[in-house]
Amino acid sequence: NASQDRNPEQMVEVHVDVRKFLQFLAGQQVNPTKAVCNIVRNKI
């Protein structure tokens, strides 16, 4: 039911600590074969 009645253009956002996100990106030395970002609005 997650995408029902949802405008596909509508943005879902989450506010995070930029340093924690940068630490995650810095740990990726090789681009992965698959990389997915899952956002739970304003939670995680």
PDB file of all heavy atoms in Angstrom:
ATOM      1  N   ASN A   1       0.802  -1.215   0.000  1.00  0.00           N
ATOM      2  CA  ASN A   1       0.000   0.000   0.000  1.00  0.00           C
ATOM      3  C   ASN A   1       0.837   1.269   0.000  1.00  0.00           C
ATOM      4  O   ASN A   1       0.304   2.370  -0.017  1.00  0.00           O
ATOM      5  CB  ASN A   1      -0.921   0.022   1.242  1.00  0.00           C
ATOM      6  CG  ASN A   1      -1.818  -1.196   1.285  1.00  0.00           C
ATOM      7  OD1 ASN A   1      -2.343  -1.603   0.260  1.00  0.00           O
ATOM      8  ND2 ASN A   1      -1.983  -1.770   2.470  1.00  0.00           N
ATOM      9  N   ALA A   2       2.167   1.110   0.018  1.00  0.00           N
ATOM     10  CA  ALA A   2       3.024   2.280   0.210  1.00  0.00           C
ATOM     11  C   ALA A   2       2.874   3.302  -0.906  1.00  0.00           C
ATOM     12  O   ALA A   2       2.935   4.496  -0.669  1.00  0.00           O
ATOM     13  CB  ALA A   2       4.479   1.839   0.335  1.00  0.00           C
ATOM     14  N   SER A   3       2.716   2.838  -2.133  1.00  0.00           N
ATOM     15  CA  SER A   3       2.713   3.777  -3.249  1.00  0.00           C
ATOM     16  C   SER A   3       1.308   4.098  -3.759  1.00  0.00           C
ATOM     17  O   SER A   3       1.150   4.880  -4.691  1.00  0.00           O
ATOM     18  CB  SER A   3       3.561   3.213  -4.399  1.00  0.00           C
ATOM     19  OG  SER A   3       3.032   1.991  -4.853  1.00  0.00           O
ATOM     20  N   GLN A   4       0.280   3.477  -3.139  1.00  0.00           N
ATOM     21  CA  GLN A   4      -1.078   3.755  -3.604  1.00  0.00           C
ATOM     22  C   GLN A   4      -1.484   5.178  -3.231  1.00  0.00           C
ATOM     23  O   GLN A   4      -1.149   5.673  -2.158  1.00  0.00           O
ATOM     24  CB  GLN A   4      -2.055   2.749  -2.983  1.00  0.00           C
ATOM     25  CG  GLN A   4      -1.921   1.356  -3.587  1.00  0.00           C
ATOM     26  CD  GLN A   4      -2.961   0.401  -3.023  1.00  0.00           C
ATOM     27  OE1 GLN A   4      -3.826   0.814  -2.269  1.00  0.00           O
ATOM     28  NE2 GLN A   4      -2.859  -0.858  -3.400  1.00  0.00           N
ATOM     29  N   ASP A   5      -2.194   5.839  -4.141  1.00  0.00           N
ATOM     30  CA  ASP A   5      -2.681   7.198  -3.905  1.00  0.00           C
ATOM     31  C   ASP A   5      -1.538   8.179  -3.637  1.00  0.00           C
ATOM     32  O   ASP A   5      -1.731   9.177  -2.946  1.00  0.00           O
ATOM     33  CB  ASP A   5      -3.677   7.234  -2.727  1.00  0.00           C
ATOM     34  CG  ASP A   5      -4.834   6.272  -2.953  1.00  0.00           C
ATOM     35  OD1 ASP A   5      -5.291   6.153  -4.105  1.00  0.00           O
ATOM     36  OD2 ASP A   5      -5.251   5.634  -1.977  1.00  0.00           O
ATOM     37  N   ARG A   6      -0.363   7.875  -4.128  1.00  0.00           N
ATOM     38  CA  ARG A   6       0.771   8.773  -3.936  1.00  0.00           C
ATOM     39  C   ARG A   6       1.146   9.406  -5.261  1.00  0.00           C
ATOM     40  O   ARG A   6       1.272   8.714  -6.277  1.00  0.00           O
ATOM     41  CB  ARG A   6       1.985   7.994  -3.409  1.00  0.00           C
ATOM     42  CG  ARG A   6       2.113   7.907  -1.910  1.00  0.00           C
ATOM     43  CD  ARG A   6       2.949   9.016  -1.311  1.00  0.00           C
ATOM     44  NE  ARG A   6       4.301   9.014  -1.834  1.00  0.00           N
ATOM     45  CZ  ARG A   6       5.260   8.166  -1.421  1.00  0.00           C
ATOM     46  NH1 ARG A   6       5.009   7.266  -0.501  1.00  0.00           N
ATOM     47  NH2 ARG A   6       6.463   8.246  -1.927  1.00  0.00           N
ATOM     48  N   ASN A   7       1.359  10.706  -5.241  1.00  0.00           N
ATOM     49  CA  ASN A   7       1.888  11.388  -6.409  1.00  0.00           C
ATOM     50  C   ASN A   7       3.357  10.992  -6.557  1.00  0.00           C
ATOM     51  O   ASN A   7       4.155  11.227  -5.637  1.00  0.00           O
ATOM     52  CB  ASN A   7       1.744  12.898  -6.211  1.00  0.00           C
ATOM     53  CG  ASN A   7       2.323  13.691  -7.372  1.00  0.00           C
ATOM     54  OD1 ASN A   7       2.875  13.127  -8.321  1.00  0.00           O
ATOM     55  ND2 ASN A   7       2.201  15.000  -7.299  1.00  0.00           N
ATOM     56  N   PRO A   8       3.752  10.373  -7.696  1.00  0.00           N
ATOM     57  CA  PRO A   8       5.157   9.939  -7.832  1.00  0.00           C
ATOM     58  C   PRO A   8       6.154  11.086  -7.760  1.00  0.00           C
ATOM     59  O   PRO A   8       7.342  10.869  -7.503  1.00  0.00           O
ATOM     60  CB  PRO A   8       5.190   9.257  -9.211  1.00  0.00           C
ATOM     61  CG  PRO A   8       3.960   9.703  -9.914  1.00  0.00           C
ATOM     62  CD  PRO A   8       2.938  10.010  -8.862  1.00  0.00           C
ATOM     63  N   GLU A   9       5.695  12.312  -7.971  1.00  0.00           N
ATOM     64  CA  GLU A   9       6.590  13.469  -7.894  1.00  0.00           C
ATOM     65  C   GLU A   9       6.805  13.942  -6.460  1.00  0.00           C
ATOM     66  O   GLU A   9       7.723  14.703  -6.172  1.00  0.00           O
ATOM     67  CB  GLU A   9       6.002  14.640  -8.710  1.00  0.00           C
ATOM     68  CG  GLU A   9       5.827  14.352 -10.201  1.00  0.00           C
ATOM     69  CD  GLU A   9       7.150  14.409 -10.959  1.00  0.00           C
ATOM     70  OE1 GLU A   9       8.111  14.981 -10.413  1.00  0.00           O
ATOM     71  OE2 GLU A   9       7.209  13.867 -12.071  1.00  0.00           O
ATOM     72  N   GLN A  10       5.938  13.488  -5.544  1.00  0.00           N
ATOM     73  CA  GLN A  10       5.992  13.977  -4.169  1.00  0.00           C
ATOM     74  C   GLN A  10       7.269  13.497  -3.466  1.00  0.00           C
ATOM     75  O   GLN A  10       7.581  12.312  -3.457  1.00  0.00           O
ATOM     76  CB  GLN A  10       4.764  13.497  -3.388  1.00  0.00           C
ATOM     77  CG  GLN A  10       4.717  13.976  -1.946  1.00  0.00           C
ATOM     78  CD  GLN A  10       3.599  13.307  -1.175  1.00  0.00           C
ATOM     79  OE1 GLN A  10       2.728  12.662  -1.770  1.00  0.00           O
ATOM     80  NE2 GLN A  10       3.605  13.440   0.136  1.00  0.00           N
ATOM     81  N   MET A  11       7.992  14.433  -2.853  1.00  0.00           N
ATOM     82  CA  MET A  11       9.254  14.118  -2.202  1.00  0.00           C
ATOM     83  C   MET A  11       9.021  13.620  -0.768  1.00  0.00           C
ATOM     84  O   MET A  11       8.150  14.116  -0.053  1.00  0.00           O
ATOM     85  CB  MET A  11      10.153  15.352  -2.159  1.00  0.00           C
ATOM     86  CG  MET A  11      10.771  15.699  -3.509  1.00  0.00           C
ATOM     87  SD  MET A  11      12.018  14.451  -3.966  1.00  0.00           S
ATOM     88  CE  MET A  11      12.570  15.086  -5.557  1.00  0.00           C
ATOM     89  N   VAL A  12       9.817  12.636  -0.376  1.00  0.00           N
ATOM     90  CA  VAL A  12       9.873  12.173   1.008  1.00  0.00           C
ATOM     91  C   VAL A  12      11.263  12.518   1.528  1.00  0.00           C
ATOM     92  O   VAL A  12      12.260  12.221   0.867  1.00  0.00           O
ATOM     93  CB  VAL A  12       9.631  10.649   1.097  1.00  0.00           C
ATOM     94  CG1 VAL A  12       9.879  10.148   2.511  1.00  0.00           C
ATOM     95  CG2 VAL A  12       8.220  10.303   0.646  1.00  0.00           C
ATOM     96  N   GLU A  13      11.342  13.148   2.691  1.00  0.00           N
ATOM     97  CA  GLU A  13      12.651  13.625   3.150  1.00  0.00           C
ATOM     98  C   GLU A  13      12.987  13.113   4.539  1.00  0.00           C
ATOM     99  O   GLU A  13      12.133  12.702   5.325  1.00  0.00           O
ATOM    100  CB  GLU A  13      12.701  15.160   3.132  1.00  0.00           C
ATOM    101  CG  GLU A  13      11.799  15.838   4.131  1.00  0.00           C
ATOM    102  CD  GLU A  13      11.985  17.361   4.126  1.00  0.00           C
ATOM    103  OE1 GLU A  13      12.167  17.955   3.037  1.00  0.00           O
ATOM    104  OE2 GLU A  13      11.932  17.943   5.216  1.00  0.00           O
ATOM    105  N   VAL A  14      14.274  13.162   4.803  1.00  0.00           N
ATOM    106  CA  VAL A  14      14.793  12.831   6.131  1.00  0.00           C
ATOM    107  C   VAL A  14      16.001  13.735   6.374  1.00  0.00           C
ATOM    108  O   VAL A  14      16.795  13.994   5.461  1.00  0.00           O
ATOM    109  CB  VAL A  14      15.167  11.329   6.217  1.00  0.00           C
ATOM    110  CG1 VAL A  14      16.287  10.968   5.258  1.00  0.00           C
ATOM    111  CG2 VAL A  14      15.553  10.926   7.636  1.00  0.00           C
ATOM    112  N   HIS A  15      16.107  14.275   7.596  1.00  0.00           N
ATOM    113  CA  HIS A  15      17.222  15.141   7.985  1.00  0.00           C
ATOM    114  C   HIS A  15      18.233  14.293   8.760  1.00  0.00           C
ATOM    115  O   HIS A  15      17.876  13.654   9.756  1.00  0.00           O
ATOM    116  CB  HIS A  15      16.738  16.289   8.876  1.00  0.00           C
ATOM    117  CG  HIS A  15      15.799  17.234   8.186  1.00  0.00           C
ATOM    118  ND1 HIS A  15      16.024  18.583   8.111  1.00  0.00           N
ATOM    119  CD2 HIS A  15      14.625  17.017   7.526  1.00  0.00           C
ATOM    120  CE1 HIS A  15      15.025  19.169   7.451  1.00  0.00           C
ATOM    121  NE2 HIS A  15      14.162  18.231   7.083  1.00  0.00           N
ATOM    122  N   VAL A  16      19.491  14.297   8.316  1.00  0.00           N
ATOM    123  CA  VAL A  16      20.521  13.484   8.974  1.00  0.00           C
ATOM    124  C   VAL A  16      21.759  14.331   9.268  1.00  0.00           C
ATOM    125  O   VAL A  16      21.924  15.427   8.719  1.00  0.00           O
ATOM    126  CB  VAL A  16      20.926  12.261   8.108  1.00  0.00           C
ATOM    127  CG1 VAL A  16      19.742  11.336   7.890  1.00  0.00           C
ATOM    128  CG2 VAL A  16      21.541  12.685   6.783  1.00  0.00           C
ATOM    129  N   ASP A  17      22.606  13.788  10.113  1.00  0.00           N
ATOM    130  CA  ASP A  17      23.894  14.414  10.419  1.00  0.00           C
ATOM    131  C   ASP A  17      24.805  14.229   9.198  1.00  0.00           C
ATOM    132  O   ASP A  17      25.093  13.096   8.797  1.00  0.00           O
ATOM    133  CB  ASP A  17      24.500  13.733  11.649  1.00  0.00           C
ATOM    134  CG  ASP A  17      25.777  14.409  12.144  1.00  0.00           C
ATOM    135  OD1 ASP A  17      26.562  14.876  11.292  1.00  0.00           O
ATOM    136  OD2 ASP A  17      25.991  14.441  13.365  1.00  0.00           O
ATOM    137  N   VAL A  18      25.260  15.321   8.629  1.00  0.00           N
ATOM    138  CA  VAL A  18      26.050  15.243   7.396  1.00  0.00           C
ATOM    139  C   VAL A  18      27.339  14.452   7.605  1.00  0.00           C
ATOM    140  O   VAL A  18      27.814  13.754   6.706  1.00  0.00           O
ATOM    141  CB  VAL A  18      26.328  16.662   6.838  1.00  0.00           C
ATOM    142  CG1 VAL A  18      27.291  17.433   7.733  1.00  0.00           C
ATOM    143  CG2 VAL A  18      26.873  16.593   5.409  1.00  0.00           C
ATOM    144  N   ARG A  19      27.906  14.511   8.811  1.00  0.00           N
ATOM    145  CA  ARG A  19      29.172  13.798   9.073  1.00  0.00           C
ATOM    146  C   ARG A  19      28.969  12.277   9.081  1.00  0.00           C
ATOM    147  O   ARG A  19      29.837  11.535   8.631  1.00  0.00           O
ATOM    148  CB  ARG A  19      29.770  14.274  10.404  1.00  0.00           C
ATOM    149  CG  ARG A  19      30.242  15.725  10.394  1.00  0.00           C
ATOM    150  CD  ARG A  19      30.381  16.280  11.785  1.00  0.00           C
ATOM    151  NE  ARG A  19      29.101  16.227  12.502  1.00  0.00           N
ATOM    152  CZ  ARG A  19      28.939  16.694  13.737  1.00  0.00           C
ATOM    153  NH1 ARG A  19      29.945  17.230  14.385  1.00  0.00           N
ATOM    154  NH2 ARG A  19      27.755  16.597  14.335  1.00  0.00           N
ATOM    155  N   LYS A  20      27.805  11.850   9.593  1.00  0.00           N
ATOM    156  CA  LYS A  20      27.517  10.404   9.610  1.00  0.00           C
ATOM    157  C   LYS A  20      27.298   9.886   8.183  1.00  0.00           C
ATOM    158  O   LYS A  20      27.722   8.780   7.841  1.00  0.00           O
ATOM    159  CB  LYS A  20      26.292  10.123  10.483  1.00  0.00           C
ATOM    160  CG  LYS A  20      26.577  10.330  11.961  1.00  0.00           C
ATOM    161  CD  LYS A  20      25.348  10.156  12.815  1.00  0.00           C
ATOM    162  CE  LYS A  20      25.698  10.395  14.280  1.00  0.00           C
ATOM    163  NZ  LYS A  20      24.500  10.377  15.146  1.00  0.00           N
ATOM    164  N   PHE A  21      26.639  10.695   7.367  1.00  0.00           N
ATOM    165  CA  PHE A  21      26.432  10.298   5.970  1.00  0.00           C
ATOM    166  C   PHE A  21      27.759  10.268   5.220  1.00  0.00           C
ATOM    167  O   PHE A  21      28.028   9.357   4.430  1.00  0.00           O
ATOM    168  CB  PHE A  21      25.442  11.263   5.309  1.00  0.00           C
ATOM    169  CG  PHE A  21      25.065  10.889   3.898  1.00  0.00           C
ATOM    170  CD1 PHE A  21      24.749   9.579   3.563  1.00  0.00           C
ATOM    171  CD2 PHE A  21      25.024  11.841   2.892  1.00  0.00           C
ATOM    172  CE1 PHE A  21      24.397   9.220   2.271  1.00  0.00           C
ATOM    173  CE2 PHE A  21      24.676  11.496   1.585  1.00  0.00           C
ATOM    174  CZ  PHE A  21      24.362  10.194   1.285  1.00  0.00           C
ATOM    175  N   LEU A  22      28.612  11.236   5.502  1.00  0.00           N
ATOM    176  CA  LEU A  22      29.917  11.291   4.836  1.00  0.00           C
ATOM    177  C   LEU A  22      30.802  10.122   5.253  1.00  0.00           C
ATOM    178  O   LEU A  22      31.541   9.568   4.434  1.00  0.00           O
ATOM    179  CB  LEU A  22      30.598  12.625   5.147  1.00  0.00           C
ATOM    180  CG  LEU A  22      31.810  13.000   4.297  1.00  0.00           C
ATOM    181  CD1 LEU A  22      31.459  13.010   2.816  1.00  0.00           C
ATOM    182  CD2 LEU A  22      32.348  14.360   4.701  1.00  0.00           C
ATOM    183  N   GLN A  23      30.702   9.723   6.515  1.00  0.00           N
ATOM    184  CA  GLN A  23      31.478   8.563   6.970  1.00  0.00           C
ATOM    185  C   GLN A  23      31.059   7.306   6.220  1.00  0.00           C
ATOM    186  O   GLN A  23      31.892   6.483   5.836  1.00  0.00           O
ATOM    187  CB  GLN A  23      31.285   8.368   8.479  1.00  0.00           C
ATOM    188  CG  GLN A  23      32.125   7.213   9.041  1.00  0.00           C
ATOM    189  CD  GLN A  23      31.936   7.041  10.532  1.00  0.00           C
ATOM    190  OE1 GLN A  23      30.933   7.475  11.097  1.00  0.00           O
ATOM    191  NE2 GLN A  23      32.876   6.392  11.191  1.00  0.00           N
ATOM    192  N   PHE A  24      29.754   7.156   6.000  1.00  0.00           N
ATOM    193  CA  PHE A  24      29.248   6.017   5.224  1.00  0.00           C
ATOM    194  C   PHE A  24      29.808   6.053   3.802  1.00  0.00           C
ATOM    195  O   PHE A  24      30.291   5.042   3.281  1.00  0.00           O
ATOM    196  CB  PHE A  24      27.720   6.048   5.197  1.00  0.00           C
ATOM    197  CG  PHE A  24      27.114   5.232   4.085  1.00  0.00           C
ATOM    198  CD1 PHE A  24      27.142   3.844   4.128  1.00  0.00           C
ATOM    199  CD2 PHE A  24      26.520   5.847   2.993  1.00  0.00           C
ATOM    200  CE1 PHE A  24      26.591   3.085   3.101  1.00  0.00           C
ATOM    201  CE2 PHE A  24      25.967   5.096   1.964  1.00  0.00           C
ATOM    202  CZ  PHE A  24      26.000   3.715   2.019  1.00  0.00           C
ATOM    203  N   LEU A  25      29.769   7.218   3.146  1.00  0.00           N
ATOM    204  CA  LEU A  25      30.258   7.337   1.762  1.00  0.00           C
ATOM    205  C   LEU A  25      31.768   7.115   1.689  1.00  0.00           C
ATOM    206  O   LEU A  25      32.269   6.506   0.742  1.00  0.00           O
ATOM    207  CB  LEU A  25      29.903   8.716   1.200  1.00  0.00           C
ATOM    208  CG  LEU A  25      28.407   8.990   0.984  1.00  0.00           C
ATOM    209  CD1 LEU A  25      28.183  10.447   0.613  1.00  0.00           C
ATOM    210  CD2 LEU A  25      27.829   8.074  -0.084  1.00  0.00           C
ATOM    211  N   ALA A  26      32.498   7.578   2.702  1.00  0.00           N
ATOM    212  CA  ALA A  26      33.962   7.436   2.710  1.00  0.00           C
ATOM    213  C   ALA A  26      34.374   5.972   2.839  1.00  0.00           C
ATOM    214  O   ALA A  26      35.460   5.580   2.420  1.00  0.00           O
ATOM    215  CB  ALA A  26      34.563   8.261   3.844  1.00  0.00           C
ATOM    216  N   GLY A  27      33.490   5.152   3.416  1.00  0.00           N
ATOM    217  CA  GLY A  27      33.807   3.735   3.584  1.00  0.00           C
ATOM    218  C   GLY A  27      33.647   2.917   2.323  1.00  0.00           C
ATOM    219  O   GLY A  27      34.050   1.754   2.266  1.00  0.00           O
ATOM    220  N   GLN A  28      33.071   3.510   1.277  1.00  0.00           N
ATOM    221  CA  GLN A  28      32.816   2.765   0.034  1.00  0.00           C
ATOM    222  C   GLN A  28      33.953   3.028  -0.957  1.00  0.00           C
ATOM    223  O   GLN A  28      33.944   3.999  -1.688  1.00  0.00           O
ATOM    224  CB  GLN A  28      31.463   3.171  -0.569  1.00  0.00           C
ATOM    225  CG  GLN A  28      30.308   3.159   0.413  1.00  0.00           C
ATOM    226  CD  GLN A  28      30.227   1.869   1.213  1.00  0.00           C
ATOM    227  OE1 GLN A  28      30.291   0.780   0.667  1.00  0.00           O
ATOM    228  NE2 GLN A  28      30.087   2.002   2.527  1.00  0.00           N
ATOM    229  N   GLN A  29      34.956   2.148  -0.931  1.00  0.00           N
ATOM    230  CA  GLN A  29      36.127   2.323  -1.801  1.00  0.00           C
ATOM    231  C   GLN A  29      35.845   1.910  -3.247  1.00  0.00           C
ATOM    232  O   GLN A  29      36.441   2.414  -4.178  1.00  0.00           O
ATOM    233  CB  GLN A  29      37.310   1.505  -1.260  1.00  0.00           C
ATOM    234  CG  GLN A  29      37.679   1.850   0.172  1.00  0.00           C
ATOM    235  CD  GLN A  29      38.066   3.288   0.358  1.00  0.00           C
ATOM    236  OE1 GLN A  29      39.031   3.767  -0.244  1.00  0.00           O
ATOM    237  NE2 GLN A  29      37.326   4.024   1.166  1.00  0.00           N
ATOM    238  N   VAL A  30      34.933   0.978  -3.409  1.00  0.00           N
ATOM    239  CA  VAL A  30      34.588   0.473  -4.737  1.00  0.00           C
ATOM    240  C   VAL A  30      33.087   0.657  -4.919  1.00  0.00           C
ATOM    241  O   VAL A  30      32.316   0.389  -3.999  1.00  0.00           O
ATOM    242  CB  VAL A  30      34.946  -1.032  -4.877  1.00  0.00           C
ATOM    243  CG1 VAL A  30      34.586  -1.543  -6.261  1.00  0.00           C
ATOM    244  CG2 VAL A  30      36.421  -1.258  -4.586  1.00  0.00           C
ATOM    245  N   ASN A  31      32.681   1.135  -6.105  1.00  0.00           N
ATOM    246  CA  ASN A  31      31.248   1.315  -6.309  1.00  0.00           C
ATOM    247  C   ASN A  31      30.559  -0.052  -6.290  1.00  0.00           C
ATOM    248  O   ASN A  31      30.975  -0.980  -6.977  1.00  0.00           O
ATOM    249  CB  ASN A  31      30.971   2.029  -7.634  1.00  0.00           C
ATOM    250  CG  ASN A  31      29.686   2.837  -7.574  1.00  0.00           C
ATOM    251  OD1 ASN A  31      29.516   3.666  -6.681  1.00  0.00           O
ATOM    252  ND2 ASN A  31      28.780   2.609  -8.495  1.00  0.00           N
ATOM    253  N   PRO A  32      29.515  -0.223  -5.483  1.00  0.00           N
ATOM    254  CA  PRO A  32      28.877  -1.533  -5.348  1.00  0.00           C
ATOM    255  C   PRO A  32      28.119  -1.933  -6.602  1.00  0.00           C
ATOM    256  O   PRO A  32      27.768  -1.100  -7.438  1.00  0.00           O
ATOM    257  CB  PRO A  32      27.917  -1.330  -4.165  1.00  0.00           C
ATOM    258  CG  PRO A  32      27.653   0.140  -4.140  1.00  0.00           C
ATOM    259  CD  PRO A  32      28.894   0.801  -4.636  1.00  0.00           C
ATOM    260  N   THR A  33      27.848  -3.239  -6.702  1.00  0.00           N
ATOM    261  CA  THR A  33      27.063  -3.734  -7.839  1.00  0.00           C
ATOM    262  C   THR A  33      25.591  -3.344  -7.680  1.00  0.00           C
ATOM    263  O   THR A  33      24.865  -3.230  -8.664  1.00  0.00           O
ATOM    264  CB  THR A  33      27.181  -5.267  -7.945  1.00  0.00           C
ATOM    265  OG1 THR A  33      26.963  -5.837  -6.650  1.00  0.00           O
ATOM    266  CG2 THR A  33      28.560  -5.672  -8.413  1.00  0.00           C
ATOM    267  N   LYS A  34      25.150  -3.140  -6.436  1.00  0.00           N
ATOM    268  CA  LYS A  34      23.787  -2.661  -6.182  1.00  0.00           C
ATOM    269  C   LYS A  34      23.833  -1.701  -5.006  1.00  0.00           C
ATOM    270  O   LYS A  34      24.506  -1.966  -4.004  1.00  0.00           O
ATOM    271  CB  LYS A  34      22.844  -3.813  -5.844  1.00  0.00           C
ATOM    272  CG  LYS A  34      21.386  -3.403  -5.668  1.00  0.00           C
ATOM    273  CD  LYS A  34      20.535  -4.510  -5.048  1.00  0.00           C
ATOM    274  CE  LYS A  34      20.629  -4.506  -3.537  1.00  0.00           C
ATOM    275  NZ  LYS A  34      19.635  -5.366  -2.870  1.00  0.00           N
ATOM    276  N   ALA A  35      23.138  -0.566  -5.117  1.00  0.00           N
ATOM    277  CA  ALA A  35      23.082   0.393  -4.014  1.00  0.00           C
ATOM    278  C   ALA A  35      21.692   1.016  -3.977  1.00  0.00           C
ATOM    279  O   ALA A  35      21.281   1.676  -4.923  1.00  0.00           O
ATOM    280  CB  ALA A  35      24.149   1.473  -4.193  1.00  0.00           C
ATOM    281  N   VAL A  36      20.982   0.771  -2.883  1.00  0.00           N
ATOM    282  CA  VAL A  36      19.616   1.268  -2.742  1.00  0.00           C
ATOM    283  C   VAL A  36      19.523   2.107  -1.473  1.00  0.00           C
ATOM    284  O   VAL A  36      20.109   1.761  -0.436  1.00  0.00           O
ATOM    285  CB  VAL A  36      18.604   0.098  -2.665  1.00  0.00           C
ATOM    286  CG1 VAL A  36      17.198   0.598  -2.359  1.00  0.00           C
ATOM    287  CG2 VAL A  36      18.607  -0.698  -3.967  1.00  0.00           C
ATOM    288  N   CYS A  37      18.779   3.201  -1.552  1.00  0.00           N
ATOM    289  CA  CYS A  37      18.495   4.057  -0.410  1.00  0.00           C
ATOM    290  C   CYS A  37      17.010   3.932  -0.087  1.00  0.00           C
ATOM    291  O   CYS A  37      16.154   4.147  -0.958  1.00  0.00           O
ATOM    292  CB  CYS A  37      18.870   5.497  -0.750  1.00  0.00           C
ATOM    293  SG  CYS A  37      18.305   6.716   0.442  1.00  0.00           S
ATOM    294  N   ASN A  38      16.698   3.572   1.147  1.00  0.00           N
ATOM    295  CA  ASN A  38      15.308   3.472   1.609  1.00  0.00           C
ATOM    296  C   ASN A  38      15.060   4.547   2.663  1.00  0.00           C
ATOM    297  O   ASN A  38      15.772   4.599   3.673  1.00  0.00           O
ATOM    298  CB  ASN A  38      15.039   2.088   2.225  1.00  0.00           C
ATOM    299  CG  ASN A  38      15.322   0.966   1.245  1.00  0.00           C
ATOM    300  OD1 ASN A  38      14.765   0.924   0.159  1.00  0.00           O
ATOM    301  ND2 ASN A  38      16.204   0.049   1.629  1.00  0.00           N
ATOM    302  N   ILE A  39      14.072   5.388   2.424  1.00  0.00           N
ATOM    303  CA  ILE A  39      13.789   6.495   3.342  1.00  0.00           C
ATOM    304  C   ILE A  39      12.462   6.244   4.052  1.00  0.00           C
ATOM    305  O   ILE A  39      11.442   5.979   3.419  1.00  0.00           O
ATOM    306  CB  ILE A  39      13.721   7.841   2.583  1.00  0.00           C
ATOM    307  CG1 ILE A  39      15.067   8.157   1.918  1.00  0.00           C
ATOM    308  CG2 ILE A  39      13.321   8.974   3.535  1.00  0.00           C
ATOM    309  CD1 ILE A  39      15.041   9.412   1.052  1.00  0.00           C
ATOM    310  N   VAL A  40      12.505   6.313   5.390  1.00  0.00           N
ATOM    311  CA  VAL A  40      11.287   6.350   6.196  1.00  0.00           C
ATOM    312  C   VAL A  40      11.148   7.798   6.654  1.00  0.00           C
ATOM    313  O   VAL A  40      12.013   8.305   7.376  1.00  0.00           O
ATOM    314  CB  VAL A  40      11.369   5.396   7.404  1.00  0.00           C
ATOM    315  CG1 VAL A  40      10.073   5.431   8.199  1.00  0.00           C
ATOM    316  CG2 VAL A  40      11.689   3.979   6.950  1.00  0.00           C
ATOM    317  N   ARG A  41      10.098   8.437   6.236  1.00  0.00           N
ATOM    318  CA  ARG A  41       9.947   9.879   6.419  1.00  0.00           C
ATOM    319  C   ARG A  41      10.222  10.324   7.862  1.00  0.00           C
ATOM    320  O   ARG A  41       9.593   9.873   8.812  1.00  0.00           O
ATOM    321  CB  ARG A  41       8.520  10.298   6.035  1.00  0.00           C
ATOM    322  CG  ARG A  41       8.284  11.800   5.959  1.00  0.00           C
ATOM    323  CD  ARG A  41       6.805  12.121   5.894  1.00  0.00           C
ATOM    324  NE  ARG A  41       6.131  11.397   4.817  1.00  0.00           N
ATOM    325  CZ  ARG A  41       6.005  11.854   3.564  1.00  0.00           C
ATOM    326  NH1 ARG A  41       6.501  13.032   3.254  1.00  0.00           N
ATOM    327  NH2 ARG A  41       5.380  11.128   2.650  1.00  0.00           N
ATOM    328  N   ASN A  42      11.210  11.219   7.966  1.00  0.00           N
ATOM    329  CA  ASN A  42      11.564  11.866   9.240  1.00  0.00           C
ATOM    330  C   ASN A  42      11.958  10.876  10.349  1.00  0.00           C
ATOM    331  O   ASN A  42      11.943  11.226  11.528  1.00  0.00           O
ATOM    332  CB  ASN A  42      10.409  12.750   9.740  1.00  0.00           C
ATOM    333  CG  ASN A  42      10.123  13.891   8.772  1.00  0.00           C
ATOM    334  OD1 ASN A  42      11.028  14.403   8.115  1.00  0.00           O
ATOM    335  ND2 ASN A  42       8.863  14.284   8.683  1.00  0.00           N
ATOM    336  N   LYS A  43      12.327   9.636   9.954  1.00  0.00           N
ATOM    337  CA  LYS A  43      12.696   8.644  10.972  1.00  0.00           C
ATOM    338  C   LYS A  43      14.089   8.062  10.760  1.00  0.00           C
ATOM    339  O   LYS A  43      14.920   8.066  11.669  1.00  0.00           O
ATOM    340  CB  LYS A  43      11.662   7.512  11.024  1.00  0.00           C
ATOM    341  CG  LYS A  43      10.355   7.914  11.684  1.00  0.00           C
ATOM    342  CD  LYS A  43       9.474   6.693  11.903  1.00  0.00           C
ATOM    343  CE  LYS A  43       8.191   7.103  12.634  1.00  0.00           C
ATOM    344  NZ  LYS A  43       7.297   5.930  12.822  1.00  0.00           N
ATOM    345  N   ILE A  44      14.321   7.531   9.561  1.00  0.00           N
ATOM    346  CA  ILE A  44      15.592   6.825   9.329  1.00  0.00           C
ATOM    347  C   ILE A  44      15.846   6.713   7.840  1.00  0.00           C
ATOM    348  O   ILE A  44      14.922   6.734   7.024  1.00  0.00           O
ATOM    349  CB  ILE A  44      15.538   5.417   9.992  1.00  0.00           C
ATOM    350  CG1 ILE A  44      16.940   4.849  10.208  1.00  0.00           C
ATOM    351  CG2 ILE A  44      14.666   4.462   9.181  1.00  0.00           C
ATOM    352  CD1 ILE A  44      16.962   3.653  11.139  1.00  0.00           C
TER     353      ILE A  44
END
